[in-house]
């Protein structure tokens, strides 16, 4: 049971990691001029996974001019959480 719980937690952290990374890439594509319905729908779907961790961080971390460093902080936190789970459970 303990291994199953650990595996599920690690999988959840990994999904959040990739959802945040994909949203960053999508935002860069939109800035570069690539706009279509698929990207907007994909961004919305990924937002349902990543927003629960991003919203609280955005309240704490101010933007640096036009740059939002919240995804970077979230990814670093997820890496730390992943390592903590891997070592303790």
Protein backbone atom coordinates (compact mmCIF):
# COMPACT_ATOMS: atom_id res chain seq x y z
CA UNK A 1 0.00 0.00 0.00
CA UNK A 2 2.83 2.37 0.83
CA UNK A 3 4.42 1.88 -2.59
CA UNK A 4 1.12 2.53 -4.33
CA UNK A 5 0.64 5.77 -2.39
CA UNK A 6 4.18 6.88 -3.18
CA UNK A 7 3.75 6.08 -6.85
CA UNK A 8 0.46 8.01 -7.04
CA UNK A 9 1.96 11.06 -5.31
CA UNK A 10 4.98 11.02 -7.60
CA UNK A 11 2.71 10.71 -10.63
CA UNK A 12 0.61 13.66 -9.45
CA UNK A 13 3.72 15.80 -8.96
CA UNK A 14 4.95 14.80 -12.43
CA UNK A 15 1.62 15.71 -14.05
CA UNK A 16 1.70 19.12 -12.36
CA UNK A 17 5.30 19.62 -13.48
CA UNK A 18 4.50 18.89 -17.13
CA UNK A 19 1.26 20.89 -17.05
CA UNK A 20 3.12 23.98 -15.84
CA UNK A 21 5.90 23.47 -18.37
CA UNK A 22 3.39 23.05 -21.20
CA UNK A 23 1.54 26.21 -20.18
CA UNK A 24 4.80 28.15 -20.27
CA UNK A 25 5.53 26.85 -23.76
CA UNK A 26 2.00 27.68 -24.92
CA UNK A 27 2.33 31.23 -23.59
CA UNK A 28 5.56 31.62 -25.57
CA UNK A 29 3.85 30.36 -28.73
CA UNK A 30 1.00 32.83 -28.24
CA UNK A 31 3.49 35.66 -27.75
CA UNK A 32 5.29 34.54 -30.93
CA UNK A 33 2.03 34.92 -32.85
CA UNK A 34 0.75 31.35 -33.02
CA UNK A 35 -2.89 31.58 -31.99
CA UNK A 36 -5.46 28.91 -32.62
CA UNK A 37 -8.36 27.22 -30.87
CA UNK A 38 -6.41 24.07 -30.07
CA UNK A 39 -3.78 25.99 -28.11
CA UNK A 40 -6.40 27.92 -26.16
CA UNK A 41 -8.32 24.72 -25.32
CA UNK A 42 -5.14 22.93 -24.33
CA UNK A 43 -4.16 25.87 -22.14
CA UNK A 44 -7.55 25.73 -20.41
CA UNK A 45 -7.26 22.00 -19.77
CA UNK A 46 -3.71 22.34 -18.45
CA UNK A 47 -4.87 25.25 -16.31
CA UNK A 48 -7.28 22.99 -14.47
CA UNK A 49 -4.29 20.95 -13.33
CA UNK A 50 -1.77 23.72 -12.72
CA UNK A 51 -3.91 26.56 -11.34
CA UNK A 52 -4.37 25.02 -7.87
CA UNK A 53 -0.63 25.38 -7.29
CA UNK A 54 -0.09 28.54 -9.34
CA UNK A 55 -2.83 30.79 -7.90
CA UNK A 56 -1.54 30.83 -4.31
CA UNK A 57 2.00 31.42 -5.55
CA UNK A 58 0.88 34.32 -7.75
CA UNK A 59 -0.59 36.02 -4.67
CA UNK A 60 2.79 35.79 -2.95
CA UNK A 61 5.27 36.33 -5.80
CA UNK A 62 5.12 39.69 -7.57
CA UNK A 63 5.84 39.81 -11.31
CA UNK A 64 9.21 41.13 -12.38
CA UNK A 65 8.09 43.73 -14.88
CA UNK A 66 6.55 41.77 -17.73
CA UNK A 67 8.00 38.46 -16.56
CA UNK A 68 6.00 36.08 -14.38
CA UNK A 69 8.44 33.90 -12.44
CA UNK A 70 5.66 31.94 -10.72
CA UNK A 71 6.03 28.91 -13.05
CA UNK A 72 9.74 28.74 -12.27
CA UNK A 73 9.09 28.85 -8.53
CA UNK A 74 6.32 26.25 -8.87
CA UNK A 75 8.59 23.90 -10.82
CA UNK A 76 11.34 24.28 -8.23
CA UNK A 77 8.84 23.53 -5.46
CA UNK A 78 7.58 20.47 -7.32
CA UNK A 79 11.13 19.17 -7.76
CA UNK A 80 11.78 19.61 -4.04
CA UNK A 81 8.49 17.87 -3.21
CA UNK A 82 9.28 15.04 -5.61
CA UNK A 83 12.68 14.50 -4.02
CA UNK A 84 11.18 14.60 -0.52
CA UNK A 85 8.58 12.01 -1.45
CA UNK A 86 11.14 9.80 -3.12
CA UNK A 87 13.42 9.85 -0.07
CA UNK A 88 10.88 9.53 2.74
CA UNK A 89 8.20 7.17 1.57
